[in-house]
């Protein structure tokens, strides 16, 4: 009987560990996806020489992906345009969603497109 209880406890522990690790991996993937998208947006803005049409397109695309993108003009010299690019996104930890439905943390990535 003791062996059965130990095996059951070990199975429960392994299951909880797998759930925790998969939640951590999922959260890490959300952050990696947001960083990758941010880099794509900055590259598109830089490659277009800060074209307003490209910026609007990136903002609309970000909203469709569930991100909030803001682009602010911080140009000091007319021959060298510069934009402050801020991407806000939500990170969820899936195992905590089992207990609380709205468990989201907002994260922000910001930098410059020149």
N, C-alpha and C. Protein backbone atom coordinates (compact mmCIF):
# COMPACT_ATOMS: atom_id res chain seq x y z
N UNK A 1 0.82 -1.19 0.00
CA UNK A 1 0.00 0.00 0.00
C UNK A 1 0.87 1.26 0.00
N UNK A 2 1.98 1.21 0.72
CA UNK A 2 2.87 2.36 0.80
C UNK A 2 3.44 2.69 -0.58
N UNK A 3 3.78 1.67 -1.35
CA UNK A 3 4.34 1.87 -2.68
C UNK A 3 3.33 2.56 -3.60
N UNK A 4 2.08 2.17 -3.50
CA UNK A 4 1.04 2.79 -4.34
C UNK A 4 0.88 4.27 -4.02
N UNK A 5 0.94 4.62 -2.75
CA UNK A 5 0.81 6.02 -2.34
C UNK A 5 2.01 6.83 -2.83
N UNK A 6 3.21 6.26 -2.72
CA UNK A 6 4.40 6.95 -3.19
C UNK A 6 4.36 7.16 -4.70
N UNK A 7 3.93 6.15 -5.44
CA UNK A 7 3.83 6.28 -6.89
C UNK A 7 2.79 7.32 -7.29
N UNK A 8 1.67 7.33 -6.58
CA UNK A 8 0.63 8.31 -6.86
C UNK A 8 1.13 9.73 -6.57
N UNK A 9 1.82 9.91 -5.45
CA UNK A 9 2.36 11.22 -5.09
C UNK A 9 3.41 11.66 -6.12
N UNK A 10 4.24 10.73 -6.57
CA UNK A 10 5.24 11.05 -7.57
C UNK A 10 4.59 11.43 -8.90
N UNK A 11 3.54 10.74 -9.28
CA UNK A 11 2.83 11.06 -10.53
C UNK A 11 2.20 12.45 -10.46
N UNK A 12 1.61 12.78 -9.32
CA UNK A 12 1.02 14.11 -9.14
C UNK A 12 2.10 15.19 -9.20
N UNK A 13 3.24 14.95 -8.56
CA UNK A 13 4.34 15.91 -8.55
C UNK A 13 4.88 16.13 -9.96
N UNK A 14 5.06 15.07 -10.70
CA UNK A 14 5.56 15.18 -12.08
C UNK A 14 4.56 15.93 -12.95
N UNK A 15 3.28 15.65 -12.78
CA UNK A 15 2.24 16.33 -13.56
C UNK A 15 2.24 17.83 -13.27
N UNK A 16 2.30 18.20 -12.00
CA UNK A 16 2.33 19.62 -11.64
C UNK A 16 3.60 20.30 -12.17
N UNK A 17 4.71 19.60 -12.12
CA UNK A 17 5.95 20.14 -12.66
C UNK A 17 5.86 20.37 -14.16
N UNK A 18 5.25 19.44 -14.87
CA UNK A 18 5.07 19.60 -16.32
C UNK A 18 4.15 20.78 -16.63
N UNK A 19 3.09 20.94 -15.86
CA UNK A 19 2.19 22.08 -16.06
C UNK A 19 2.91 23.40 -15.82
N UNK A 20 3.70 23.46 -14.77
CA UNK A 20 4.44 24.68 -14.46
C UNK A 20 5.45 25.00 -15.55
N UNK A 21 6.21 24.02 -15.99
CA UNK A 21 7.21 24.25 -17.03
C UNK A 21 6.57 24.64 -18.36
N UNK A 22 5.46 24.01 -18.71
CA UNK A 22 4.80 24.37 -19.97
C UNK A 22 4.24 25.79 -19.90
N UNK A 23 3.79 26.22 -18.73
CA UNK A 23 3.32 27.60 -18.57
C UNK A 23 4.47 28.58 -18.72
N UNK A 24 5.62 28.25 -18.17
CA UNK A 24 6.79 29.11 -18.30
C UNK A 24 7.23 29.21 -19.76
N UNK A 25 7.20 28.10 -20.46
CA UNK A 25 7.59 28.09 -21.87
C UNK A 25 6.62 28.93 -22.69
N UNK A 26 5.32 28.80 -22.41
CA UNK A 26 4.31 29.57 -23.12
C UNK A 26 4.51 31.07 -22.90
N UNK A 27 4.77 31.47 -21.67
CA UNK A 27 5.01 32.88 -21.37
C UNK A 27 6.27 33.39 -22.07
N UNK A 28 7.29 32.58 -22.08
CA UNK A 28 8.52 32.95 -22.78
C UNK A 28 8.30 33.10 -24.27
N UNK A 29 7.46 32.24 -24.84
CA UNK A 29 7.14 32.35 -26.26
C UNK A 29 6.37 33.62 -26.57
N UNK A 30 5.49 34.03 -25.67
CA UNK A 30 4.74 35.28 -25.87
C UNK A 30 5.70 36.47 -25.91
N UNK A 31 6.66 36.48 -25.02
CA UNK A 31 7.64 37.57 -24.98
C UNK A 31 8.52 37.53 -26.23
N UNK A 32 8.96 36.35 -26.64
CA UNK A 32 9.80 36.23 -27.82
C UNK A 32 9.05 36.67 -29.08
N UNK A 33 7.78 36.30 -29.19
CA UNK A 33 6.98 36.72 -30.34
C UNK A 33 6.84 38.24 -30.39
N UNK A 34 6.61 38.86 -29.24
CA UNK A 34 6.47 40.32 -29.20
C UNK A 34 7.78 41.00 -29.57
N UNK A 35 8.89 40.49 -29.07
CA UNK A 35 10.19 41.09 -29.41
C UNK A 35 10.49 40.94 -30.90
N UNK A 36 10.16 39.78 -31.45
CA UNK A 36 10.38 39.55 -32.88
C UNK A 36 9.53 40.51 -33.71
N UNK A 37 8.27 40.66 -33.32
CA UNK A 37 7.40 41.58 -34.05
C UNK A 37 7.90 43.02 -33.92
N UNK A 38 8.35 43.40 -32.75
CA UNK A 38 8.90 44.74 -32.55
C UNK A 38 10.08 44.99 -33.48
N UNK A 39 10.98 44.03 -33.59
CA UNK A 39 12.14 44.18 -34.47
C UNK A 39 11.71 44.32 -35.93
N UNK A 40 10.69 43.57 -36.33
CA UNK A 40 10.17 43.67 -37.70
C UNK A 40 9.62 45.07 -37.95
N UNK A 41 8.85 45.59 -36.98
CA UNK A 41 8.27 46.93 -37.13
C UNK A 41 9.36 47.99 -37.24
N UNK A 42 10.35 47.93 -36.38
CA UNK A 42 11.44 48.92 -36.42
C UNK A 42 12.18 48.84 -37.75
N UNK A 43 12.44 47.64 -38.23
CA UNK A 43 13.12 47.49 -39.52
C UNK A 43 12.28 48.03 -40.66
N UNK A 44 10.97 47.79 -40.63
CA UNK A 44 10.10 48.31 -41.68
C UNK A 44 10.07 49.83 -41.67
N UNK A 45 10.02 50.42 -40.49
CA UNK A 45 10.00 51.88 -40.40
C UNK A 45 11.33 52.46 -40.88
N UNK A 46 12.43 51.85 -40.47
CA UNK A 46 13.74 52.34 -40.91
C UNK A 46 13.92 52.18 -42.41
N UNK A 47 13.50 51.04 -42.96
CA UNK A 47 13.66 50.80 -44.39
C UNK A 47 12.80 51.73 -45.23
N UNK A 48 11.69 52.20 -44.68
CA UNK A 48 10.81 53.11 -45.43
C UNK A 48 11.20 54.57 -45.20
N UNK A 49 12.25 54.81 -44.45
CA UNK A 49 12.70 56.17 -44.12
C UNK A 49 11.60 56.91 -43.38
N UNK A 50 10.98 56.21 -42.42
CA UNK A 50 9.94 56.76 -41.53
C UNK A 50 8.71 57.25 -42.29
N UNK A 51 8.29 56.50 -43.30
CA UNK A 51 7.11 56.83 -44.09
C UNK A 51 5.85 56.67 -43.23
N UNK A 52 4.97 57.68 -43.27
CA UNK A 52 3.76 57.67 -42.44
C UNK A 52 2.79 56.56 -42.84
N UNK A 53 2.72 56.22 -44.12
CA UNK A 53 1.83 55.14 -44.56
C UNK A 53 2.28 53.80 -43.98
N UNK A 54 3.57 53.57 -43.97
CA UNK A 54 4.11 52.33 -43.39
C UNK A 54 3.86 52.29 -41.89
N UNK A 55 3.99 53.43 -41.24
CA UNK A 55 3.75 53.48 -39.79
C UNK A 55 2.30 53.16 -39.48
N UNK A 56 1.36 53.76 -40.24
CA UNK A 56 -0.07 53.46 -40.03
C UNK A 56 -0.37 51.98 -40.27
N UNK A 57 0.24 51.43 -41.31
CA UNK A 57 0.05 50.01 -41.61
C UNK A 57 0.57 49.14 -40.47
N UNK A 58 1.71 49.49 -39.91
CA UNK A 58 2.28 48.73 -38.78
C UNK A 58 1.38 48.83 -37.55
N UNK A 59 0.82 50.02 -37.30
CA UNK A 59 -0.06 50.19 -36.14
C UNK A 59 -1.32 49.34 -36.29
N UNK A 60 -1.91 49.33 -37.49
CA UNK A 60 -3.10 48.50 -37.74
C UNK A 60 -2.79 47.02 -37.62
N UNK A 61 -1.65 46.62 -38.14
CA UNK A 61 -1.25 45.22 -38.05
C UNK A 61 -1.01 44.80 -36.60
N UNK A 62 -0.42 45.69 -35.82
CA UNK A 62 -0.18 45.40 -34.40
C UNK A 62 -1.49 45.21 -33.66
N UNK A 63 -2.48 46.05 -33.94
CA UNK A 63 -3.79 45.90 -33.29
C UNK A 63 -4.43 44.57 -33.65
N UNK A 64 -4.27 44.14 -34.90
CA UNK A 64 -4.81 42.84 -35.31
C UNK A 64 -4.13 41.68 -34.60
N UNK A 65 -2.87 41.86 -34.22
CA UNK A 65 -2.14 40.81 -33.52
C UNK A 65 -2.31 40.87 -32.01
N UNK A 66 -3.03 41.89 -31.52
CA UNK A 66 -3.27 42.01 -30.08
C UNK A 66 -2.25 42.86 -29.35
N UNK A 67 -1.46 43.61 -30.08
CA UNK A 67 -0.46 44.50 -29.50
C UNK A 67 -0.94 45.94 -29.60
N UNK A 68 -0.34 46.80 -28.81
CA UNK A 68 -0.55 48.24 -28.92
C UNK A 68 0.76 48.87 -29.35
N UNK A 69 0.74 49.53 -30.49
CA UNK A 69 1.95 50.14 -31.02
C UNK A 69 1.75 51.64 -31.10
N UNK A 70 2.70 52.38 -30.56
CA UNK A 70 2.67 53.83 -30.71
C UNK A 70 4.02 54.28 -31.26
N UNK A 71 3.94 55.23 -32.18
CA UNK A 71 5.14 55.76 -32.82
C UNK A 71 5.11 57.27 -32.67
N UNK A 72 6.14 57.80 -32.06
CA UNK A 72 6.22 59.25 -31.80
C UNK A 72 7.42 59.82 -32.54
N UNK A 73 7.19 60.94 -33.17
CA UNK A 73 8.26 61.60 -33.91
C UNK A 73 9.19 62.33 -32.93
N UNK A 74 10.46 61.97 -32.95
CA UNK A 74 11.46 62.63 -32.10
C UNK A 74 12.62 63.15 -32.95
N UNK A 75 12.30 63.55 -34.18
CA UNK A 75 13.31 64.02 -35.12
C UNK A 75 13.92 65.33 -34.63
N UNK A 76 15.24 65.39 -34.62
CA UNK A 76 15.94 66.62 -34.25
C UNK A 76 16.44 67.36 -35.49
N UNK A 77 16.85 66.60 -36.51
CA UNK A 77 17.36 67.19 -37.74
C UNK A 77 16.52 66.65 -38.90
N UNK A 78 16.12 67.53 -39.80
CA UNK A 78 15.23 67.13 -40.89
C UNK A 78 15.84 66.08 -41.81
N UNK A 79 17.14 66.08 -41.96
CA UNK A 79 17.76 65.10 -42.85
C UNK A 79 17.95 63.74 -42.19
N UNK A 80 17.66 63.63 -40.90
CA UNK A 80 17.82 62.36 -40.19
C UNK A 80 16.59 62.10 -39.32
N UNK A 81 15.49 61.58 -39.92
CA UNK A 81 14.27 61.36 -39.13
C UNK A 81 14.48 60.28 -38.07
N UNK A 82 13.78 60.43 -36.97
CA UNK A 82 13.87 59.48 -35.87
C UNK A 82 12.50 59.32 -35.23
N UNK A 83 12.15 58.08 -34.89
CA UNK A 83 10.85 57.79 -34.28
C UNK A 83 11.07 56.96 -33.03
N UNK A 84 10.29 57.29 -32.00
CA UNK A 84 10.25 56.47 -30.79
C UNK A 84 9.16 55.43 -30.99
N UNK A 85 9.52 54.16 -30.95
CA UNK A 85 8.58 53.06 -31.19
C UNK A 85 8.34 52.34 -29.87
N UNK A 86 7.07 52.27 -29.45
CA UNK A 86 6.70 51.64 -28.18
C UNK A 86 5.67 50.56 -28.48
N UNK A 87 5.98 49.32 -28.11
CA UNK A 87 5.07 48.19 -28.29
C UNK A 87 4.65 47.69 -26.92
N UNK A 88 3.34 47.71 -26.66
CA UNK A 88 2.79 47.19 -25.40
C UNK A 88 2.05 45.89 -25.71
N UNK A 89 2.21 44.91 -24.83
CA UNK A 89 1.57 43.62 -25.04
C UNK A 89 1.28 42.99 -23.68
N UNK A 90 0.38 42.03 -23.68
CA UNK A 90 0.02 41.32 -22.46
C UNK A 90 0.72 39.97 -22.41
N UNK A 91 1.21 39.63 -21.23
CA UNK A 91 1.82 38.32 -21.00
C UNK A 91 0.94 37.58 -20.00
N UNK A 92 0.60 36.36 -20.32
CA UNK A 92 -0.20 35.54 -19.41
C UNK A 92 0.62 34.34 -18.96
N UNK A 93 0.36 33.90 -17.78
CA UNK A 93 0.97 32.70 -17.23
C UNK A 93 -0.15 31.67 -17.14
N UNK A 94 -0.26 30.75 -18.12
CA UNK A 94 -1.44 29.91 -18.27
C UNK A 94 -1.85 29.11 -17.03
N UNK A 95 -0.93 28.67 -16.23
CA UNK A 95 -1.33 27.86 -15.07
C UNK A 95 -2.10 28.70 -14.06
N UNK A 96 -1.80 29.99 -13.99
CA UNK A 96 -2.53 30.87 -13.08
C UNK A 96 -3.93 31.20 -13.61
N UNK A 97 -4.13 31.05 -14.91
CA UNK A 97 -5.46 31.29 -15.47
C UNK A 97 -6.47 30.25 -15.01
N UNK A 98 -5.99 29.14 -14.49
CA UNK A 98 -6.90 28.13 -13.95
C UNK A 98 -7.60 28.65 -12.70
N UNK A 99 -6.97 29.60 -12.01
CA UNK A 99 -7.50 30.12 -10.76
C UNK A 99 -8.07 31.53 -10.90
N UNK A 100 -7.55 32.29 -11.85
CA UNK A 100 -7.97 33.68 -12.03
C UNK A 100 -8.05 33.96 -13.52
N UNK A 101 -9.22 34.30 -14.02
CA UNK A 101 -9.42 34.42 -15.46
C UNK A 101 -8.67 35.59 -16.09
N UNK A 102 -8.54 36.70 -15.41
CA UNK A 102 -7.88 37.87 -15.99
C UNK A 102 -6.50 38.09 -15.39
N UNK A 103 -5.66 37.10 -15.49
CA UNK A 103 -4.32 37.20 -14.93
C UNK A 103 -3.36 37.58 -16.06
N UNK A 104 -3.27 38.87 -16.35
CA UNK A 104 -2.40 39.37 -17.41
C UNK A 104 -1.48 40.44 -16.85
N UNK A 105 -0.28 40.46 -17.35
CA UNK A 105 0.67 41.52 -17.01
C UNK A 105 1.03 42.23 -18.31
N UNK A 106 1.03 43.55 -18.26
CA UNK A 106 1.38 44.30 -19.45
C UNK A 106 2.88 44.55 -19.47
N UNK A 107 3.48 44.29 -20.62
CA UNK A 107 4.90 44.51 -20.81
C UNK A 107 5.09 45.53 -21.94
N UNK A 108 6.21 46.20 -21.93
CA UNK A 108 6.47 47.26 -22.90
C UNK A 108 7.88 47.08 -23.46
N UNK A 109 7.98 47.23 -24.78
CA UNK A 109 9.29 47.28 -25.45
C UNK A 109 9.36 48.64 -26.13
N UNK A 110 10.42 49.36 -25.89
CA UNK A 110 10.55 50.66 -26.55
C UNK A 110 11.96 50.86 -27.05
N UNK A 111 12.04 51.62 -28.12
CA UNK A 111 13.33 51.92 -28.73
C UNK A 111 13.13 52.91 -29.86
N UNK A 112 14.14 53.09 -30.66
CA UNK A 112 14.12 54.11 -31.70
C UNK A 112 14.30 53.50 -33.08
N UNK A 113 13.62 54.10 -34.05
CA UNK A 113 13.83 53.78 -35.46
C UNK A 113 14.47 55.01 -36.08
N UNK A 114 15.63 54.83 -36.66
CA UNK A 114 16.35 55.99 -37.23
C UNK A 114 16.68 55.76 -38.67
